[in-house]
Each structure stands twice: as C-alpha cells, then as structure tokens.
Amino acid sequence: MSELLEDDDLKAGLKKCPEWEFEKTFITRTIEFEEFMEAIDFVNDLAEIADEAQHHPDIHIRDTKVSLKLTTHDAGGVTEADVELAQRIDNLID
C-alpha cells in the first residue's frame, strides 16, 4: 500500500504541478476546453495514461469543463502516485 504524503512532501509535490489544489484527502484540477469534443478527446487520452499507471482519477465532465480528483483510496489520501499522475496529466494538457 502507498503511504500518505507528509505535509512538506505534499507541498513539494504540488510545486511540480501548480495547477492542482489540495482539498482534504485529494488533489483537484479543472480544465476548460473550447469545445465539448475536445474535452472528450482529452478524457479518452487521460484514460489510457491512467490505465497504464493503474491509478484512476475521479472524472466529472460538464460541457467543456473536465474536473479531476486524485486520491489513493487505499491510503485514505494523497500519495506519490497521485502527484505523479497529476504531472503526467499536466504534460498531456501542455
């Protein structure tokens, strides 16, 4: 099982992915696209990355906005796996 990140490690991890915010037991980010199909294409690409990492985000799609939550359910909060996936998602967006 993955270990929860301590406060200092979490802060350092979030510096690597500054678009993400910490909320209680997860990190979150919302991305807005110009068109609905761009959002869907992004989610499809994200699904491949998440499946490869065997770490799956909570995904909420509302029109052109995609909201993501990352947490390690087994650990009850944010772990290094969440930060690593957040970085991979950021690379997908850029």
Protein backbone atom coordinates (compact mmCIF):
# COMPACT_ATOMS: atom_id res chain seq x y z
CA MET A 1 0.00 0.00 0.00
CA SER A 2 1.19 3.52 -0.79
CA GLU A 3 1.97 5.86 2.08
CA LEU A 4 0.30 9.22 2.56
CA LEU A 5 2.50 12.21 1.80
CA GLU A 6 3.55 14.28 4.79
CA ASP A 7 2.69 18.00 4.62
CA ASP A 8 6.17 19.05 3.44
CA ASP A 9 6.28 16.33 0.77
CA LEU A 10 2.77 17.24 -0.38
CA LYS A 11 3.73 20.93 -0.70
CA ALA A 12 6.86 19.99 -2.66
CA GLY A 13 4.82 17.70 -4.91
CA LEU A 14 2.26 20.41 -5.61
CA LYS A 15 5.03 22.79 -6.65
CA LYS A 16 5.68 20.36 -9.51
CA CYS A 17 2.03 20.67 -10.60
CA PRO A 18 0.88 24.15 -9.54
CA GLU A 19 -2.50 23.96 -11.32
CA TRP A 20 -3.63 21.36 -8.78
CA GLU A 21 -5.17 22.21 -5.41
CA PHE A 22 -5.23 20.17 -2.23
CA GLU A 23 -8.65 19.61 -0.65
CA LYS A 24 -8.94 17.40 2.45
CA THR A 25 -7.89 13.99 1.08
CA PHE A 26 -7.41 14.65 -2.63
CA ILE A 27 -5.91 16.96 -5.21
CA THR A 28 -8.11 18.52 -7.85
CA ARG A 29 -7.91 20.41 -11.12
CA THR A 30 -10.47 21.68 -13.62
CA ILE A 31 -9.56 22.10 -17.29
CA GLU A 32 -11.75 24.05 -19.70
CA PHE A 33 -11.74 23.34 -23.42
CA GLU A 34 -13.19 25.33 -26.29
CA GLU A 35 -15.48 22.52 -27.45
CA PHE A 36 -17.16 19.52 -25.88
CA MET A 37 -15.44 17.03 -28.18
CA GLU A 38 -12.03 18.40 -27.16
CA ALA A 39 -12.94 17.59 -23.56
CA ILE A 40 -14.00 14.07 -24.55
CA ASP A 41 -10.80 13.52 -26.56
CA PHE A 42 -8.78 14.66 -23.53
CA VAL A 43 -10.65 12.22 -21.26
CA ASN A 44 -10.00 9.38 -23.70
CA ASP A 45 -6.27 10.18 -23.77
CA LEU A 46 -6.27 10.52 -19.98
CA ALA A 47 -7.94 7.11 -19.64
CA GLU A 48 -5.00 5.47 -21.42
CA ILE A 49 -2.46 7.15 -19.14
CA ALA A 50 -4.44 6.33 -16.00
CA ASP A 51 -4.92 2.71 -17.02
CA GLU A 52 -1.22 2.35 -17.77
CA ALA A 53 -0.42 3.76 -14.31
CA GLN A 54 -3.16 1.60 -12.73
CA HIS A 55 -4.29 4.72 -10.90
CA HIS A 56 -7.65 6.16 -11.89
CA PRO A 57 -8.91 9.68 -11.20
CA ASP A 58 -12.47 10.67 -10.47
CA ILE A 59 -13.61 12.47 -13.62
CA HIS A 60 -16.53 14.86 -13.95
CA ILE A 61 -17.42 16.24 -17.39
CA ARG A 62 -19.73 19.21 -17.68
CA ASP A 63 -19.98 20.63 -21.18
CA THR A 64 -16.45 21.91 -21.96
CA LYS A 65 -15.07 21.52 -18.41
CA VAL A 66 -13.36 18.44 -17.07
CA SER A 67 -12.83 18.26 -13.31
CA LEU A 68 -10.40 15.72 -11.91
CA LYS A 69 -9.81 14.41 -8.40
CA LEU A 70 -6.84 12.29 -7.48
CA THR A 71 -6.55 10.33 -4.26
CA THR A 72 -5.25 6.94 -3.23
CA HIS A 73 -8.33 5.34 -1.72
CA ASP A 74 -6.40 2.51 -0.01
CA ALA A 75 -4.20 5.05 1.82
CA GLY A 76 -7.03 7.47 2.56
CA GLY A 77 -5.42 10.50 0.93
CA VAL A 78 -2.74 11.84 -1.38
CA THR A 79 0.32 9.72 -2.16
CA GLU A 80 3.25 9.99 -4.56
CA ALA A 81 1.15 8.08 -7.13
CA ASP A 82 -1.34 10.96 -7.20
CA VAL A 83 1.35 13.59 -7.72
CA GLU A 84 3.00 11.52 -10.45
CA LEU A 85 -0.30 11.09 -12.28
CA ALA A 86 -1.06 14.82 -11.90
CA GLN A 87 2.26 15.59 -13.58
CA ARG A 88 1.50 13.18 -16.42
CA ILE A 89 -1.92 14.78 -16.88
CA ASP A 90 -0.32 18.24 -16.96
CA ASN A 91 2.06 17.02 -19.67
CA LEU A 92 -0.93 15.76 -21.64
CA ILE A 93 -2.57 19.21 -21.46
CA ASP A 94 0.54 21.20 -22.40
